[in-house]
C-alpha atoms as a PDB file:
ATOM      1  CA  UNK A   1      -9.494   4.727   7.810  1.00  0.00           C
ATOM      2  CA  UNK A   2      -7.458   5.112  10.957  1.00  0.00           C
ATOM      3  CA  UNK A   3      -3.708   5.660  10.762  1.00  0.00           C
ATOM      4  CA  UNK A   4      -1.945   3.815  13.588  1.00  0.00           C
ATOM      5  CA  UNK A   5       1.394   5.607  13.192  1.00  0.00           C
ATOM      6  CA  UNK A   6       4.019   6.685  10.709  1.00  0.00           C
ATOM      7  CA  UNK A   7       5.871   3.480   9.853  1.00  0.00           C
ATOM      8  CA  UNK A   8       8.771   4.870   7.850  1.00  0.00           C
ATOM      9  CA  UNK A   9      10.063   7.454   5.411  1.00  0.00           C
ATOM     10  CA  UNK A  10      11.438   5.998   2.163  1.00  0.00           C
ATOM     11  CA  UNK A  11      14.644   7.534   0.799  1.00  0.00           C
ATOM     12  CA  UNK A  12      15.895   6.713  -2.719  1.00  0.00           C
ATOM     13  CA  UNK A  13      19.690   6.361  -2.793  1.00  0.00           C
ATOM     14  CA  UNK A  14      22.346   5.649  -5.419  1.00  0.00           C
ATOM     15  CA  UNK A  15      24.435   3.438  -3.122  1.00  0.00           C
ATOM     16  CA  UNK A  16      22.784   1.724  -0.153  1.00  0.00           C
ATOM     17  CA  UNK A  17      26.084   0.801   1.538  1.00  0.00           C
ATOM     18  CA  UNK A  18      27.245   4.426   1.544  1.00  0.00           C
ATOM     19  CA  UNK A  19      23.821   5.582   2.757  1.00  0.00           C
ATOM     20  CA  UNK A  20      23.781   3.037   5.614  1.00  0.00           C
ATOM     21  CA  UNK A  21      27.254   4.209   6.659  1.00  0.00           C
ATOM     22  CA  UNK A  22      26.097   7.854   6.625  1.00  0.00           C
ATOM     23  CA  UNK A  23      22.997   7.189   8.742  1.00  0.00           C
ATOM     24  CA  UNK A  24      24.946   5.072  11.263  1.00  0.00           C
ATOM     25  CA  UNK A  25      28.142   7.112  11.548  1.00  0.00           C
ATOM     26  CA  UNK A  26      26.806  10.653  11.135  1.00  0.00           C
ATOM     27  CA  UNK A  27      23.286  10.392  12.567  1.00  0.00           C
ATOM     28  CA  UNK A  28      23.710   7.702  15.199  1.00  0.00           C
ATOM     29  CA  UNK A  29      21.034   5.420  13.808  1.00  0.00           C
ATOM     30  CA  UNK A  30      21.130   1.624  13.882  1.00  0.00           C
ATOM     31  CA  UNK A  31      20.493  -0.834  11.081  1.00  0.00           C
ATOM     32  CA  UNK A  32      17.544  -3.042  12.017  1.00  0.00           C
ATOM     33  CA  UNK A  33      16.756  -4.843   8.753  1.00  0.00           C
ATOM     34  CA  UNK A  34      18.230  -5.330   5.304  1.00  0.00           C
ATOM     35  CA  UNK A  35      17.044  -7.382   2.337  1.00  0.00           C
ATOM     36  CA  UNK A  36      16.787  -7.616  -1.424  1.00  0.00           C
ATOM     37  CA  UNK A  37      13.352  -7.767  -3.015  1.00  0.00           C
ATOM     38  CA  UNK A  38      14.100  -9.294  -6.442  1.00  0.00           C
ATOM     39  CA  UNK A  39      10.521  -9.094  -7.763  1.00  0.00           C
ATOM     40  CA  UNK A  40      10.572  -5.317  -7.129  1.00  0.00           C
ATOM     41  CA  UNK A  41      14.210  -4.957  -8.210  1.00  0.00           C
ATOM     42  CA  UNK A  42      15.228  -3.322  -4.942  1.00  0.00           C
ATOM     43  CA  UNK A  43      17.776  -3.424  -2.162  1.00  0.00           C
ATOM     44  CA  UNK A  44      16.278  -2.025   1.046  1.00  0.00           C
ATOM     45  CA  UNK A  45      17.576  -1.239   4.510  1.00  0.00           C
ATOM     46  CA  UNK A  46      15.687   0.004   7.565  1.00  0.00           C
ATOM     47  CA  UNK A  47      17.326   2.132  10.232  1.00  0.00           C
ATOM     48  CA  UNK A  48      15.937   3.653  13.412  1.00  0.00           C
ATOM     49  CA  UNK A  49      16.952   5.986  16.138  1.00  0.00           C
ATOM     50  CA  UNK A  50      17.146   5.150  19.831  1.00  0.00           C
ATOM     51  CA  UNK A  51      13.373   5.017  20.359  1.00  0.00           C
ATOM     52  CA  UNK A  52      12.933   2.781  17.307  1.00  0.00           C
ATOM     53  CA  UNK A  53       9.337   3.724  16.518  1.00  0.00           C
ATOM     54  CA  UNK A  54       9.686   5.264  13.068  1.00  0.00           C
ATOM     55  CA  UNK A  55      12.218   4.004  10.538  1.00  0.00           C
ATOM     56  CA  UNK A  56      14.110   5.342   7.572  1.00  0.00           C
ATOM     57  CA  UNK A  57      13.912   2.954   4.617  1.00  0.00           C
ATOM     58  CA  UNK A  58      16.774   3.262   2.156  1.00  0.00           C
ATOM     59  CA  UNK A  59      15.941   2.086  -1.375  1.00  0.00           C
ATOM     60  CA  UNK A  60      18.456   1.306  -4.102  1.00  0.00           C
ATOM     61  CA  UNK A  61      17.525  -0.301  -7.426  1.00  0.00           C
ATOM     62  CA  UNK A  62      19.319  -3.588  -8.055  1.00  0.00           C
ATOM     63  CA  UNK A  63      19.725  -2.472 -11.687  1.00  0.00           C
ATOM     64  CA  UNK A  64      20.010   1.308 -12.012  1.00  0.00           C
ATOM     65  CA  UNK A  65      19.398   1.076 -15.774  1.00  0.00           C
ATOM     66  CA  UNK A  66      16.091  -0.855 -15.558  1.00  0.00           C
ATOM     67  CA  UNK A  67      13.529   1.415 -17.300  1.00  0.00           C
ATOM     68  CA  UNK A  68      10.663  -0.315 -15.444  1.00  0.00           C
ATOM     69  CA  UNK A  69      12.091   0.140 -11.947  1.00  0.00           C
ATOM     70  CA  UNK A  70      10.247   2.974 -10.214  1.00  0.00           C
ATOM     71  CA  UNK A  71      13.164   3.839  -7.916  1.00  0.00           C
ATOM     72  CA  UNK A  72      15.649   3.868 -10.818  1.00  0.00           C
ATOM     73  CA  UNK A  73      13.301   6.225 -12.702  1.00  0.00           C
ATOM     74  CA  UNK A  74      12.936   8.381  -9.583  1.00  0.00           C
ATOM     75  CA  UNK A  75      16.729   8.662  -9.168  1.00  0.00           C
ATOM     76  CA  UNK A  76      17.183   9.590 -12.846  1.00  0.00           C
ATOM     77  CA  UNK A  77      14.515  12.286 -12.772  1.00  0.00           C
ATOM     78  CA  UNK A  78      14.826  13.681  -9.241  1.00  0.00           C
ATOM     79  CA  UNK A  79      18.079  12.407  -7.764  1.00  0.00           C
ATOM     80  CA  UNK A  80      18.497  11.043  -4.265  1.00  0.00           C
ATOM     81  CA  UNK A  81      15.956  12.030  -1.645  1.00  0.00           C
ATOM     82  CA  UNK A  82      12.589  11.385  -0.077  1.00  0.00           C
ATOM     83  CA  UNK A  83      10.652   8.853  -2.120  1.00  0.00           C
ATOM     84  CA  UNK A  84       7.574   8.105  -0.002  1.00  0.00           C
ATOM     85  CA  UNK A  85       5.891   8.305   3.390  1.00  0.00           C
ATOM     86  CA  UNK A  86       4.551   5.069   4.855  1.00  0.00           C
ATOM     87  CA  UNK A  87       1.743   4.885   7.383  1.00  0.00           C
ATOM     88  CA  UNK A  88       0.794   1.847   9.422  1.00  0.00           C
ATOM     89  CA  UNK A  89      -2.809   0.636   9.157  1.00  0.00           C
ATOM     90  CA  UNK A  90      -4.683  -2.228  10.806  1.00  0.00           C
ATOM     91  CA  UNK A  91      -6.405  -3.603   7.676  1.00  0.00           C
ATOM     92  CA  UNK A  92      -4.755  -2.624   4.409  1.00  0.00           C
ATOM     93  CA  UNK A  93      -7.493  -3.812   2.051  1.00  0.00           C
ATOM     94  CA  UNK A  94     -10.325  -2.070   3.882  1.00  0.00           C
ATOM     95  CA  UNK A  95      -8.158   1.061   4.123  1.00  0.00           C
ATOM     96  CA  UNK A  96      -7.606   0.973   0.351  1.00  0.00           C
ATOM     97  CA  UNK A  97     -11.335   0.611  -0.310  1.00  0.00           C
ATOM     98  CA  UNK A  98     -12.090   3.486   2.034  1.00  0.00           C
ATOM     99  CA  UNK A  99      -9.501   5.759   0.406  1.00  0.00           C
ATOM    100  CA  UNK A 100     -10.810   4.898  -3.060  1.00  0.00           C
ATOM    101  CA  UNK A 101     -14.369   5.651  -1.906  1.00  0.00           C
ATOM    102  CA  UNK A 102     -13.098   9.036  -0.702  1.00  0.00           C
ATOM    103  CA  UNK A 103     -11.818   9.763  -4.219  1.00  0.00           C
ATOM    104  CA  UNK A 104      -8.127   8.926  -3.941  1.00  0.00           C
ATOM    105  CA  UNK A 105      -6.383   7.201  -6.846  1.00  0.00           C
ATOM    106  CA  UNK A 106      -4.777   3.894  -5.920  1.00  0.00           C
ATOM    107  CA  UNK A 107      -1.650   2.401  -7.452  1.00  0.00           C
ATOM    108  CA  UNK A 108      -2.345  -0.931  -5.752  1.00  0.00           C
ATOM    109  CA  UNK A 109      -5.912  -2.192  -5.367  1.00  0.00           C
ATOM    110  CA  UNK A 110      -4.930  -4.781  -2.731  1.00  0.00           C
ATOM    111  CA  UNK A 111      -2.036  -5.276  -0.362  1.00  0.00           C
ATOM    112  CA  UNK A 112       0.983  -7.195  -1.632  1.00  0.00           C
ATOM    113  CA  UNK A 113       4.064  -8.612   0.064  1.00  0.00           C
ATOM    114  CA  UNK A 114       6.675  -5.955   0.716  1.00  0.00           C
ATOM    115  CA  UNK A 115       9.805  -5.539   2.785  1.00  0.00           C
ATOM    116  CA  UNK A 116       9.978  -7.199   6.196  1.00  0.00           C
ATOM    117  CA  UNK A 117       7.174  -9.559   5.071  1.00  0.00           C
ATOM    118  CA  UNK A 118       4.550  -6.862   5.640  1.00  0.00           C
ATOM    119  CA  UNK A 119       1.642  -6.144   3.306  1.00  0.00           C
ATOM    120  CA  UNK A 120       2.059  -2.871   1.417  1.00  0.00           C
ATOM    121  CA  UNK A 121       0.100  -0.788  -1.079  1.00  0.00           C
ATOM    122  CA  UNK A 122       0.602   2.639  -2.630  1.00  0.00           C
ATOM    123  CA  UNK A 123      -1.663   5.635  -3.235  1.00  0.00           C
ATOM    124  CA  UNK A 124      -0.916   7.817  -6.258  1.00  0.00           C
ATOM    125  CA  UNK A 125       0.902  11.099  -5.475  1.00  0.00           C
ATOM    126  CA  UNK A 126      -1.655  13.123  -7.466  1.00  0.00           C
ATOM    127  CA  UNK A 127      -4.199  12.206  -4.784  1.00  0.00           C
ATOM    128  CA  UNK A 128      -1.973  13.188  -1.840  1.00  0.00           C
ATOM    129  CA  UNK A 129      -0.614  16.626  -2.750  1.00  0.00           C
ATOM    130  CA  UNK A 130       2.363  15.212  -4.651  1.00  0.00           C
ATOM    131  CA  UNK A 131       3.385  12.685  -1.963  1.00  0.00           C
ATOM    132  CA  UNK A 132       3.664   8.981  -2.742  1.00  0.00           C
ATOM    133  CA  UNK A 133       1.848   7.357   0.179  1.00  0.00           C
ATOM    134  CA  UNK A 134       2.467   3.770   1.231  1.00  0.00           C
ATOM    135  CA  UNK A 135       0.124   1.836   3.479  1.00  0.00           C
ATOM    136  CA  UNK A 136       1.761  -0.844   5.633  1.00  0.00           C
ATOM    137  CA  UNK A 137       0.039  -3.671   7.474  1.00  0.00           C
ATOM    138  CA  UNK A 138       2.352  -5.570   9.784  1.00  0.00           C
ATOM    139  CA  UNK A 139       2.573  -9.306   9.214  1.00  0.00           C
ATOM    140  CA  UNK A 140       1.028 -10.902  12.310  1.00  0.00           C
END
């Protein structure tokens, strides 16, 4: 598997509006995309710096009390902070097969629709030294 680049760093937040304001006003970033993903129960926002190559993805659960929402569970157990690292790949499904063949434990066996219309899939943190790893294939 070849990593093309780091796509984004996911940050779990309690209040996405406050977080967007912080990243814009205090860190000089710009909001480039915002959406709700109802099937995942999430509000997401992407911000970048001047060069715009790597983004920060802010994640807030739509329902903070949903016991099945992974971000809500993360916030309850760990509080706000880094949730995942996302890397850009050319072919998500072949990358997943290759990682599984190398002994990594997959959360997703195939790519699925994620934010920005891209295909996404996750690798279990136990396989990546405690880091939740997201693979991202841009929608062409």
